[in-house]
Amino acid sequence: MPEPIPPIVLPPLRDPDREGHWLRDALHTWLDREFLPEAVNGDIADRASKIFVRQRLEGENDLGALVVAIVTEMQGFDFSRSFYGEFAIANAVSDLVLDSLGIDRCCGE
């Protein structure tokens, strides 16, 4: 039987403003690059980064739990002016964080 993938636990949050700005900017860039630059992309990136940082401030460091929190809370966001939805945003955040930590996200490695 295959071994379960161990959780990815982020280091403790040291500078919430810096982490929030980084994530907002990185996600906004990713959103604009993936399809078309849209005004709503800034709103999406801002909302997702706020959720992420708030969860981290509350002590959540497990990346899987952070992704679930983003999916759950972004369900209340109006995506009608966007190509994206809450799952795409949460997955993009996860990918950006993994990339920033130098963790290869291919093939469960």
PDB file of N, CA and C in Angstrom:
ATOM      1  N   MET A   1       0.850  -1.183   0.000  1.00  0.00           N
ATOM      2  CA  MET A   1       0.000   0.000   0.000  1.00  0.00           C
ATOM      3  C   MET A   1       0.893   1.243   0.000  1.00  0.00           C
ATOM      4  N   PRO A   2       0.557   2.234  -0.827  1.00  0.00           N
ATOM      5  CA  PRO A   2       1.375   3.443  -0.885  1.00  0.00           C
ATOM      6  C   PRO A   2       1.336   4.206   0.434  1.00  0.00           C
ATOM      7  N   GLU A   3       2.433   4.879   0.687  1.00  0.00           N
ATOM      8  CA  GLU A   3       2.522   5.711   1.884  1.00  0.00           C
ATOM      9  C   GLU A   3       1.766   7.022   1.663  1.00  0.00           C
ATOM     10  N   PRO A   4       1.065   7.512   2.689  1.00  0.00           N
ATOM     11  CA  PRO A   4       0.394   8.808   2.532  1.00  0.00           C
ATOM     12  C   PRO A   4       1.434   9.917   2.394  1.00  0.00           C
ATOM     13  N   ILE A   5       1.037  10.957   1.696  1.00  0.00           N
ATOM     14  CA  ILE A   5       1.915  12.122   1.535  1.00  0.00           C
ATOM     15  C   ILE A   5       1.910  12.882   2.855  1.00  0.00           C
ATOM     16  N   PRO A   6       3.092  13.141   3.409  1.00  0.00           N
ATOM     17  CA  PRO A   6       3.129  13.859   4.683  1.00  0.00           C
ATOM     18  C   PRO A   6       2.656  15.301   4.505  1.00  0.00           C
ATOM     19  N   PRO A   7       2.099  15.873   5.562  1.00  0.00           N
ATOM     20  CA  PRO A   7       1.642  17.263   5.455  1.00  0.00           C
ATOM     21  C   PRO A   7       2.818  18.210   5.276  1.00  0.00           C
ATOM     22  N   ILE A   8       2.553  19.324   4.671  1.00  0.00           N
ATOM     23  CA  ILE A   8       3.559  20.371   4.528  1.00  0.00           C
ATOM     24  C   ILE A   8       3.217  21.444   5.545  1.00  0.00           C
ATOM     25  N   VAL A   9       4.103  21.602   6.497  1.00  0.00           N
ATOM     26  CA  VAL A   9       3.898  22.579   7.561  1.00  0.00           C
ATOM     27  C   VAL A   9       4.833  23.754   7.317  1.00  0.00           C
ATOM     28  N   LEU A  10       4.249  24.933   7.221  1.00  0.00           N
ATOM     29  CA  LEU A  10       5.020  26.141   6.952  1.00  0.00           C
ATOM     30  C   LEU A  10       5.725  26.616   8.216  1.00  0.00           C
ATOM     31  N   PRO A  11       6.841  27.295   8.048  1.00  0.00           N
ATOM     32  CA  PRO A  11       7.500  27.874   9.219  1.00  0.00           C
ATOM     33  C   PRO A  11       6.584  28.918   9.849  1.00  0.00           C
ATOM     34  N   PRO A  12       6.767  29.194  11.124  1.00  0.00           N
ATOM     35  CA  PRO A  12       5.898  30.190  11.787  1.00  0.00           C
ATOM     36  C   PRO A  12       5.926  31.531  11.061  1.00  0.00           C
ATOM     37  N   LEU A  13       4.816  32.217  11.113  1.00  0.00           N
ATOM     38  CA  LEU A  13       4.669  33.527  10.485  1.00  0.00           C
ATOM     39  C   LEU A  13       5.501  34.553  11.258  1.00  0.00           C
ATOM     40  N   ARG A  14       6.377  35.252  10.551  1.00  0.00           N
ATOM     41  CA  ARG A  14       7.236  36.248  11.203  1.00  0.00           C
ATOM     42  C   ARG A  14       6.817  37.668  10.867  1.00  0.00           C
ATOM     43  N   ASP A  15       6.427  37.894   9.628  1.00  0.00           N
ATOM     44  CA  ASP A  15       6.076  39.241   9.181  1.00  0.00           C
ATOM     45  C   ASP A  15       4.798  39.164   8.347  1.00  0.00           C
ATOM     46  N   PRO A  16       3.641  39.287   9.007  1.00  0.00           N
ATOM     47  CA  PRO A  16       2.361  39.128   8.289  1.00  0.00           C
ATOM     48  C   PRO A  16       2.186  40.101   7.122  1.00  0.00           C
ATOM     49  N   ASP A  17       2.616  41.339   7.295  1.00  0.00           N
ATOM     50  CA  ASP A  17       2.455  42.316   6.213  1.00  0.00           C
ATOM     51  C   ASP A  17       3.282  41.916   4.995  1.00  0.00           C
ATOM     52  N   ARG A  18       4.500  41.522   5.243  1.00  0.00           N
ATOM     53  CA  ARG A  18       5.385  41.132   4.137  1.00  0.00           C
ATOM     54  C   ARG A  18       4.847  39.892   3.415  1.00  0.00           C
ATOM     55  N   GLU A  19       4.428  38.890   4.189  1.00  0.00           N
ATOM     56  CA  GLU A  19       3.902  37.672   3.576  1.00  0.00           C
ATOM     57  C   GLU A  19       2.622  37.957   2.805  1.00  0.00           C
ATOM     58  N   GLY A  20       1.756  38.790   3.372  1.00  0.00           N
ATOM     59  CA  GLY A  20       0.516  39.143   2.688  1.00  0.00           C
ATOM     60  C   GLY A  20       0.757  39.891   1.388  1.00  0.00           C
ATOM     61  N   HIS A  21       1.689  40.866   1.428  1.00  0.00           N
ATOM     62  CA  HIS A  21       2.016  41.623   0.207  1.00  0.00           C
ATOM     63  C   HIS A  21       2.618  40.697  -0.842  1.00  0.00           C
ATOM     64  N   TRP A  22       3.534  39.830  -0.416  1.00  0.00           N
ATOM     65  CA  TRP A  22       4.160  38.909  -1.365  1.00  0.00           C
ATOM     66  C   TRP A  22       3.106  38.032  -2.043  1.00  0.00           C
ATOM     67  N   LEU A  23       2.228  37.429  -1.222  1.00  0.00           N
ATOM     68  CA  LEU A  23       1.223  36.530  -1.788  1.00  0.00           C
ATOM     69  C   LEU A  23       0.259  37.276  -2.694  1.00  0.00           C
ATOM     70  N   ARG A  24      -0.186  38.438  -2.265  1.00  0.00           N
ATOM     71  CA  ARG A  24      -1.108  39.223  -3.093  1.00  0.00           C
ATOM     72  C   ARG A  24      -0.475  39.549  -4.447  1.00  0.00           C
ATOM     73  N   ASP A  25       0.763  40.025  -4.432  1.00  0.00           N
ATOM     74  CA  ASP A  25       1.428  40.386  -5.681  1.00  0.00           C
ATOM     75  C   ASP A  25       1.694  39.162  -6.559  1.00  0.00           C
ATOM     76  N   ALA A  26       2.167  38.078  -5.946  1.00  0.00           N
ATOM     77  CA  ALA A  26       2.468  36.863  -6.710  1.00  0.00           C
ATOM     78  C   ALA A  26       1.197  36.266  -7.320  1.00  0.00           C
ATOM     79  N   LEU A  27       0.120  36.244  -6.550  1.00  0.00           N
ATOM     80  CA  LEU A  27      -1.137  35.686  -7.052  1.00  0.00           C
ATOM     81  C   LEU A  27      -1.721  36.578  -8.144  1.00  0.00           C
ATOM     82  N   HIS A  28      -1.652  37.884  -7.949  1.00  0.00           N
ATOM     83  CA  HIS A  28      -2.172  38.800  -8.960  1.00  0.00           C
ATOM     84  C   HIS A  28      -1.405  38.619 -10.276  1.00  0.00           C
ATOM     85  N   THR A  29      -0.090  38.507 -10.193  1.00  0.00           N
ATOM     86  CA  THR A  29       0.732  38.270 -11.386  1.00  0.00           C
ATOM     87  C   THR A  29       0.343  36.957 -12.049  1.00  0.00           C
ATOM     88  N   TRP A  30       0.176  35.913 -11.249  1.00  0.00           N
ATOM     89  CA  TRP A  30      -0.200  34.603 -11.784  1.00  0.00           C
ATOM     90  C   TRP A  30      -1.557  34.674 -12.488  1.00  0.00           C
ATOM     91  N   LEU A  31      -2.533  35.321 -11.845  1.00  0.00           N
ATOM     92  CA  LEU A  31      -3.868  35.440 -12.433  1.00  0.00           C
ATOM     93  C   LEU A  31      -3.819  36.174 -13.769  1.00  0.00           C
ATOM     94  N   ASP A  32      -3.084  37.268 -13.816  1.00  0.00           N
ATOM     95  CA  ASP A  32      -2.986  38.049 -15.057  1.00  0.00           C
ATOM     96  C   ASP A  32      -2.278  37.274 -16.168  1.00  0.00           C
ATOM     97  N   ARG A  33      -1.324  36.448 -15.790  1.00  0.00           N
ATOM     98  CA  ARG A  33      -0.547  35.696 -16.774  1.00  0.00           C
ATOM     99  C   ARG A  33      -1.298  34.463 -17.282  1.00  0.00           C
ATOM    100  N   GLU A  34      -2.109  33.849 -16.452  1.00  0.00           N
ATOM    101  CA  GLU A  34      -2.788  32.606 -16.828  1.00  0.00           C
ATOM    102  C   GLU A  34      -3.797  32.790 -17.943  1.00  0.00           C
ATOM    103  N   PHE A  35      -4.634  33.813 -17.841  1.00  0.00           N
ATOM    104  CA  PHE A  35      -5.620  34.092 -18.894  1.00  0.00           C
ATOM    105  C   PHE A  35      -5.430  35.522 -19.360  1.00  0.00           C
ATOM    106  N   LEU A  36      -6.358  36.365 -19.012  1.00  0.00           N
ATOM    107  CA  LEU A  36      -6.284  37.776 -19.395  1.00  0.00           C
ATOM    108  C   LEU A  36      -6.179  38.633 -18.138  1.00  0.00           C
ATOM    109  N   PRO A  37      -5.406  39.710 -18.219  1.00  0.00           N
ATOM    110  CA  PRO A  37      -5.427  40.633 -17.082  1.00  0.00           C
ATOM    111  C   PRO A  37      -6.833  41.229 -16.951  1.00  0.00           C
ATOM    112  N   GLU A  38      -7.401  41.074 -15.772  1.00  0.00           N
ATOM    113  CA  GLU A  38      -8.743  41.594 -15.504  1.00  0.00           C
ATOM    114  C   GLU A  38      -8.697  42.401 -14.223  1.00  0.00           C
ATOM    115  N   ALA A  39      -9.515  43.422 -14.136  1.00  0.00           N
ATOM    116  CA  ALA A  39      -9.554  44.259 -12.930  1.00  0.00           C
ATOM    117  C   ALA A  39      -9.889  43.430 -11.688  1.00  0.00           C
ATOM    118  N   VAL A  40     -10.729  42.431 -11.837  1.00  0.00           N
ATOM    119  CA  VAL A  40     -11.153  41.623 -10.692  1.00  0.00           C
ATOM    120  C   VAL A  40      -9.996  40.791 -10.117  1.00  0.00           C
ATOM    121  N   ASN A  41      -8.943  40.574 -10.904  1.00  0.00           N
ATOM    122  CA  ASN A  41      -7.826  39.774 -10.419  1.00  0.00           C
ATOM    123  C   ASN A  41      -7.187  40.378  -9.168  1.00  0.00           C
ATOM    124  N   GLY A  42      -7.116  41.686  -9.118  1.00  0.00           N
ATOM    125  CA  GLY A  42      -6.581  42.348  -7.924  1.00  0.00           C
ATOM    126  C   GLY A  42      -7.447  42.091  -6.706  1.00  0.00           C
ATOM    127  N   ASP A  43      -8.763  42.107  -6.896  1.00  0.00           N
ATOM    128  CA  ASP A  43      -9.685  41.836  -5.788  1.00  0.00           C
ATOM    129  C   ASP A  43      -9.550  40.390  -5.304  1.00  0.00           C
ATOM    130  N   ILE A  44      -9.418  39.473  -6.248  1.00  0.00           N
ATOM    131  CA  ILE A  44      -9.258  38.055  -5.901  1.00  0.00           C
ATOM    132  C   ILE A  44      -7.962  37.853  -5.120  1.00  0.00           C
ATOM    133  N   ALA A  45      -6.876  38.412  -5.621  1.00  0.00           N
ATOM    134  CA  ALA A  45      -5.578  38.249  -4.960  1.00  0.00           C
ATOM    135  C   ALA A  45      -5.589  38.876  -3.570  1.00  0.00           C
ATOM    136  N   ASP A  46      -6.225  40.020  -3.440  1.00  0.00           N
ATOM    137  CA  ASP A  46      -6.312  40.686  -2.141  1.00  0.00           C
ATOM    138  C   ASP A  46      -7.092  39.842  -1.143  1.00  0.00           C
ATOM    139  N   ARG A  47      -8.231  39.333  -1.572  1.00  0.00           N
ATOM    140  CA  ARG A  47      -9.078  38.525  -0.674  1.00  0.00           C
ATOM    141  C   ARG A  47      -8.367  37.233  -0.259  1.00  0.00           C
ATOM    142  N   ALA A  48      -7.775  36.533  -1.207  1.00  0.00           N
ATOM    143  CA  ALA A  48      -7.099  35.268  -0.890  1.00  0.00           C
ATOM    144  C   ALA A  48      -5.915  35.493   0.036  1.00  0.00           C
ATOM    145  N   SER A  49      -5.151  36.557  -0.183  1.00  0.00           N
ATOM    146  CA  SER A  49      -3.994  36.814   0.682  1.00  0.00           C
ATOM    147  C   SER A  49      -4.443  37.176   2.095  1.00  0.00           C
ATOM    148  N   LYS A  50      -5.542  37.892   2.220  1.00  0.00           N
ATOM    149  CA  LYS A  50      -6.063  38.227   3.554  1.00  0.00           C
ATOM    150  C   LYS A  50      -6.514  36.973   4.299  1.00  0.00           C
ATOM    151  N   ILE A  51      -7.175  36.076   3.606  1.00  0.00           N
ATOM    152  CA  ILE A  51      -7.594  34.811   4.226  1.00  0.00           C
ATOM    153  C   ILE A  51      -6.361  34.037   4.683  1.00  0.00           C
ATOM    154  N   PHE A  52      -5.389  33.915   3.813  1.00  0.00           N
ATOM    155  CA  PHE A  52      -4.162  33.175   4.100  1.00  0.00           C
ATOM    156  C   PHE A  52      -3.459  33.747   5.334  1.00  0.00           C
ATOM    157  N   VAL A  53      -3.254  35.047   5.356  1.00  0.00           N
ATOM    158  CA  VAL A  53      -2.540  35.675   6.472  1.00  0.00           C
ATOM    159  C   VAL A  53      -3.351  35.571   7.756  1.00  0.00           C
ATOM    160  N   ARG A  54      -4.652  35.790   7.685  1.00  0.00           N
ATOM    161  CA  ARG A  54      -5.472  35.679   8.895  1.00  0.00           C
ATOM    162  C   ARG A  54      -5.395  34.276   9.490  1.00  0.00           C
ATOM    163  N   GLN A  55      -5.473  33.271   8.624  1.00  0.00           N
ATOM    164  CA  GLN A  55      -5.358  31.893   9.091  1.00  0.00           C
ATOM    165  C   GLN A  55      -3.998  31.651   9.745  1.00  0.00           C
ATOM    166  N   ARG A  56      -2.948  32.183   9.128  1.00  0.00           N
ATOM    167  CA  ARG A  56      -1.595  32.040   9.683  1.00  0.00           C
ATOM    168  C   ARG A  56      -1.488  32.749  11.028  1.00  0.00           C
ATOM    169  N   LEU A  57      -2.088  33.930  11.150  1.00  0.00           N
ATOM    170  CA  LEU A  57      -2.072  34.652  12.422  1.00  0.00           C
ATOM    171  C   LEU A  57      -2.814  33.883  13.514  1.00  0.00           C
ATOM    172  N   GLU A  58      -3.801  33.103  13.098  1.00  0.00           N
ATOM    173  CA  GLU A  58      -4.554  32.278  14.052  1.00  0.00           C
ATOM    174  C   GLU A  58      -3.816  30.987  14.385  1.00  0.00           C
ATOM    175  N   GLY A  59      -2.627  30.804  13.799  1.00  0.00           N
ATOM    176  CA  GLY A  59      -1.789  29.661  14.140  1.00  0.00           C
ATOM    177  C   GLY A  59      -1.828  28.496  13.178  1.00  0.00           C
ATOM    178  N   GLU A  60      -2.527  28.645  12.056  1.00  0.00           N
ATOM    179  CA  GLU A  60      -2.594  27.548  11.083  1.00  0.00           C
ATOM    180  C   GLU A  60      -1.365  27.599  10.188  1.00  0.00           C
ATOM    181  N   ASN A  61      -0.576  26.540  10.210  1.00  0.00           N
ATOM    182  CA  ASN A  61       0.626  26.467   9.394  1.00  0.00           C
ATOM    183  C   ASN A  61       0.619  25.285   8.434  1.00  0.00           C
ATOM    184  N   ASP A  62      -0.390  24.441   8.505  1.00  0.00           N
ATOM    185  CA  ASP A  62      -0.495  23.294   7.609  1.00  0.00           C
ATOM    186  C   ASP A  62      -1.027  23.776   6.260  1.00  0.00           C
ATOM    187  N   LEU A  63      -0.251  23.570   5.203  1.00  0.00           N
ATOM    188  CA  LEU A  63      -0.630  24.086   3.885  1.00  0.00           C
ATOM    189  C   LEU A  63      -1.957  23.503   3.406  1.00  0.00           C
ATOM    190  N   GLY A  64      -2.196  22.233   3.672  1.00  0.00           N
ATOM    191  CA  GLY A  64      -3.468  21.624   3.268  1.00  0.00           C
ATOM    192  C   GLY A  64      -4.655  22.299   3.932  1.00  0.00           C
ATOM    193  N   ALA A  65      -4.534  22.599   5.218  1.00  0.00           N
ATOM    194  CA  ALA A  65      -5.615  23.276   5.940  1.00  0.00           C
ATOM    195  C   ALA A  65      -5.795  24.701   5.431  1.00  0.00           C
ATOM    196  N   LEU A  66      -4.693  25.351   5.066  1.00  0.00           N
ATOM    197  CA  LEU A  66      -4.787  26.703   4.515  1.00  0.00           C
ATOM    198  C   LEU A  66      -5.511  26.698   3.173  1.00  0.00           C
ATOM    199  N   VAL A  67      -5.246  25.694   2.359  1.00  0.00           N
ATOM    200  CA  VAL A  67      -5.926  25.568   1.063  1.00  0.00           C
ATOM    201  C   VAL A  67      -7.426  25.366   1.274  1.00  0.00           C
ATOM    202  N   VAL A  68      -7.791  24.512   2.215  1.00  0.00           N
ATOM    203  CA  VAL A  68      -9.212  24.276   2.504  1.00  0.00           C
ATOM    204  C   VAL A  68      -9.878  25.564   2.993  1.00  0.00           C
ATOM    205  N   ALA A  69      -9.182  26.323   3.839  1.00  0.00           N
ATOM    206  CA  ALA A  69      -9.737  27.591   4.333  1.00  0.00           C
ATOM    207  C   ALA A  69      -9.971  28.569   3.190  1.00  0.00           C
ATOM    208  N   ILE A  70      -9.035  28.632   2.251  1.00  0.00           N
ATOM    209  CA  ILE A  70      -9.203  29.540   1.108  1.00  0.00           C
ATOM    210  C   ILE A  70     -10.383  29.102   0.248  1.00  0.00           C
ATOM    211  N   VAL A  71     -10.486  27.804  -0.026  1.00  0.00           N
ATOM    212  CA  VAL A  71     -11.632  27.303  -0.806  1.00  0.00           C
ATOM    213  C   VAL A  71     -12.930  27.677  -0.109  1.00  0.00           C
ATOM    214  N   THR A  72     -13.000  27.402   1.174  1.00  0.00           N
ATOM    215  CA  THR A  72     -14.232  27.637   1.936  1.00  0.00           C
ATOM    216  C   THR A  72     -14.610  29.112   1.955  1.00  0.00           C
ATOM    217  N   GLU A  73     -13.653  29.958   2.277  1.00  0.00           N
ATOM    218  CA  GLU A  73     -13.971  31.378   2.410  1.00  0.00           C
ATOM    219  C   GLU A  73     -14.134  32.088   1.070  1.00  0.00           C
ATOM    220  N   MET A  74     -13.478  31.599   0.031  1.00  0.00           N
ATOM    221  CA  MET A  74     -13.636  32.220  -1.283  1.00  0.00           C
ATOM    222  C   MET A  74     -14.969  31.838  -1.932  1.00  0.00           C
ATOM    223  N   GLN A  75     -15.698  30.893  -1.367  1.00  0.00           N
ATOM    224  CA  GLN A  75     -17.015  30.545  -1.913  1.00  0.00           C
ATOM    225  C   GLN A  75     -17.970  31.722  -1.830  1.00  0.00           C
ATOM    226  N   GLY A  76     -17.709  32.639  -0.915  1.00  0.00           N
ATOM    227  CA  GLY A  76     -18.546  33.824  -0.786  1.00  0.00           C
ATOM    228  C   GLY A  76     -18.151  34.958  -1.733  1.00  0.00           C
ATOM    229  N   PHE A  77     -17.074  34.765  -2.506  1.00  0.00           N
ATOM    230  CA  PHE A  77     -16.609  35.785  -3.441  1.00  0.00           C
ATOM    231  C   PHE A  77     -17.387  35.658  -4.748  1.00  0.00           C
ATOM    232  N   ASP A  78     -17.706  36.786  -5.375  1.00  0.00           N
ATOM    233  CA  ASP A  78     -18.421  36.791  -6.657  1.00  0.00           C
ATOM    234  C   ASP A  78     -17.419  36.614  -7.795  1.00  0.00           C
ATOM    235  N   PHE A  79     -17.338  35.403  -8.332  1.00  0.00           N
ATOM    236  CA  PHE A  79     -16.423  35.097  -9.426  1.00  0.00           C
ATOM    237  C   PHE A  79     -17.064  35.305 -10.801  1.00  0.00           C
ATOM    238  N   SER A  80     -18.225  35.931 -10.865  1.00  0.00           N
ATOM    239  CA  SER A  80     -18.936  36.067 -12.140  1.00  0.00           C
ATOM    240  C   SER A  80     -18.173  36.906 -13.167  1.00  0.00           C
ATOM    241  N   ARG A  81     -17.238  37.747 -12.737  1.00  0.00           N
ATOM    242  CA  ARG A  81     -16.457  38.575 -13.664  1.00  0.00           C
ATOM    243  C   ARG A  81     -15.070  37.980 -13.906  1.00  0.00           C
ATOM    244  N   SER A  82     -14.905  36.694 -13.631  1.00  0.00           N
ATOM    245  CA  SER A  82     -13.586  36.084 -13.698  1.00  0.00           C
ATOM    246  C   SER A  82     -13.638  34.728 -14.382  1.00  0.00           C
ATOM    247  N   PHE A  83     -12.480  34.282 -14.871  1.00  0.00           N
ATOM    248  CA  PHE A  83     -12.352  32.933 -15.411  1.00  0.00           C
ATOM    249  C   PHE A  83     -12.161  31.912 -14.289  1.00  0.00           C
ATOM    250  N   TYR A  84     -11.877  32.374 -13.107  1.00  0.00           N
ATOM    251  CA  TYR A  84     -11.459  31.519 -11.996  1.00  0.00           C
ATOM    252  C   TYR A  84     -12.595  31.212 -11.040  1.00  0.00           C
ATOM    253  N   GLY A  85     -12.313  30.267 -10.128  1.00  0.00           N
ATOM    254  CA  GLY A  85     -13.191  29.918  -9.034  1.00  0.00           C
ATOM    255  C   GLY A  85     -12.338  29.650  -7.809  1.00  0.00           C
ATOM    256  N   GLU A  86     -12.990  29.344  -6.716  1.00  0.00           N
ATOM    257  CA  GLU A  86     -12.280  29.191  -5.445  1.00  0.00           C
ATOM    258  C   GLU A  86     -11.235  28.075  -5.455  1.00  0.00           C
ATOM    259  N   PHE A  87     -11.493  26.987  -6.171  1.00  0.00           N
ATOM    260  CA  PHE A  87     -10.524  25.880  -6.204  1.00  0.00           C
ATOM    261  C   PHE A  87      -9.260  26.272  -6.967  1.00  0.00           C
ATOM    262  N   ALA A  88      -9.424  26.955  -8.087  1.00  0.00           N
ATOM    263  CA  ALA A  88      -8.256  27.403  -8.861  1.00  0.00           C
ATOM    264  C   ALA A  88      -7.409  28.368  -8.039  1.00  0.00           C
ATOM    265  N   ILE A  89      -8.057  29.237  -7.289  1.00  0.00           N
ATOM    266  CA  ILE A  89      -7.328  30.207  -6.470  1.00  0.00           C
ATOM    267  C   ILE A  89      -6.574  29.504  -5.355  1.00  0.00           C
ATOM    268  N   ALA A  90      -7.222  28.608  -4.656  1.00  0.00           N
ATOM    269  CA  ALA A  90      -6.570  27.887  -3.561  1.00  0.00           C
ATOM    270  C   ALA A  90      -5.397  27.051  -4.077  1.00  0.00           C
ATOM    271  N   ASN A  91      -5.576  26.405  -5.213  1.00  0.00           N
ATOM    272  CA  ASN A  91      -4.481  25.619  -5.797  1.00  0.00           C
ATOM    273  C   ASN A  91      -3.328  26.516  -6.232  1.00  0.00           C
ATOM    274  N   ALA A  92      -3.632  27.671  -6.774  1.00  0.00           N
ATOM    275  CA  ALA A  92      -2.578  28.604  -7.186  1.00  0.00           C
ATOM    276  C   ALA A  92      -1.793  29.091  -5.966  1.00  0.00           C
ATOM    277  N   VAL A  93      -2.491  29.397  -4.888  1.00  0.00           N
ATOM    278  CA  VAL A  93      -1.810  29.818  -3.658  1.00  0.00           C
ATOM    279  C   VAL A  93      -0.873  28.712  -3.184  1.00  0.00           C
ATOM    280  N   SER A  94      -1.367  27.485  -3.172  1.00  0.00           N
ATOM    281  CA  SER A  94      -0.539  26.354  -2.761  1.00  0.00           C
ATOM    282  C   SER A  94       0.708  26.239  -3.639  1.00  0.00           C
ATOM    283  N   ASP A  95       0.534  26.321  -4.945  1.00  0.00           N
ATOM    284  CA  ASP A  95       1.665  26.223  -5.866  1.00  0.00           C
ATOM    285  C   ASP A  95       2.672  27.350  -5.635  1.00  0.00           C
ATOM    286  N   LEU A  96       2.192  28.571  -5.440  1.00  0.00           N
ATOM    287  CA  LEU A  96       3.080  29.705  -5.213  1.00  0.00           C
ATOM    288  C   LEU A  96       3.875  29.537  -3.919  1.00  0.00           C
ATOM    289  N   VAL A  97       3.202  29.068  -2.877  1.00  0.00           N
ATOM    290  CA  VAL A  97       3.885  28.856  -1.590  1.00  0.00           C
ATOM    291  C   VAL A  97       4.926  27.749  -1.723  1.00  0.00           C
ATOM    292  N   LEU A  98       4.550  26.641  -2.365  1.00  0.00           N
ATOM    293  CA  LEU A  98       5.505  25.551  -2.556  1.00  0.00           C
ATOM    294  C   LEU A  98       6.707  26.010  -3.370  1.00  0.00           C
ATOM    295  N   ASP A  99       6.464  26.755  -4.435  1.00  0.00           N
ATOM    296  CA  ASP A  99       7.561  27.279  -5.239  1.00  0.00           C
ATOM    297  C   ASP A  99       8.480  28.172  -4.404  1.00  0.00           C
ATOM    298  N   SER A 100       7.882  29.010  -3.546  1.00  0.00           N
ATOM    299  CA  SER A 100       8.685  29.925  -2.729  1.00  0.00           C
ATOM    300  C   SER A 100       9.551  29.183  -1.723  1.00  0.00           C
ATOM    301  N   LEU A 101       9.115  27.987  -1.338  1.00  0.00           N
ATOM    302  CA  LEU A 101       9.875  27.170  -0.390  1.00  0.00           C
ATOM    303  C   LEU A 101      10.845  26.232  -1.089  1.00  0.00           C
ATOM    304  N   GLY A 102      10.821  26.226  -2.423  1.00  0.00           N
ATOM    305  CA  GLY A 102      11.699  25.359  -3.179  1.00  0.00           C
ATOM    306  C   GLY A 102      11.271  23.903  -3.158  1.00  0.00           C
ATOM    307  N   ILE A 103       9.981  23.674  -2.939  1.00  0.00           N
ATOM    308  CA  ILE A 103       9.443  22.303  -2.907  1.00  0.00           C
ATOM    309  C   ILE A 103       8.891  21.964  -4.274  1.00  0.00           C
ATOM    310  N   ASP A 104       9.387  20.879  -4.852  1.00  0.00           N
ATOM    311  CA  ASP A 104       8.918  20.424  -6.160  1.00  0.00           C
ATOM    312  C   ASP A 104       7.507  19.890  -6.000  1.00  0.00           C
ATOM    313  N   ARG A 105       6.586  20.428  -6.760  1.00  0.00           N
ATOM    314  CA  ARG A 105       5.178  20.007  -6.635  1.00  0.00           C
ATOM    315  C   ARG A 105       4.770  18.967  -7.660  1.00  0.00           C
ATOM    316  N   CYS A 106       5.720  18.472  -8.411  1.00  0.00           N
ATOM    317  CA  CYS A 106       5.435  17.462  -9.414  1.00  0.00           C
ATOM    318  C   CYS A 106       5.416  16.059  -8.806  1.00  0.00           C
ATOM    319  N   CYS A 107       4.423  15.325  -9.127  1.00  0.00           N
ATOM    320  CA  CYS A 107       4.362  13.888  -8.854  1.00  0.00           C
ATOM    321  C   CYS A 107       4.426  13.541  -7.374  1.00  0.00           C
ATOM    322  N   GLY A 108       3.995  14.425  -6.506  1.00  0.00           N
ATOM    323  CA  GLY A 108       3.940  14.120  -5.079  1.00  0.00           C
ATOM    324  C   GLY A 108       5.293  14.042  -4.411  1.00  0.00           C
ATOM    325  N   GLU A 109       6.314  14.552  -5.055  1.00  0.00           N
ATOM    326  CA  GLU A 109       7.668  14.515  -4.477  1.00  0.00           C
ATOM    327  C   GLU A 109       7.898  15.708  -3.589  1.00  0.00           C
TER     328      GLU A 109
END
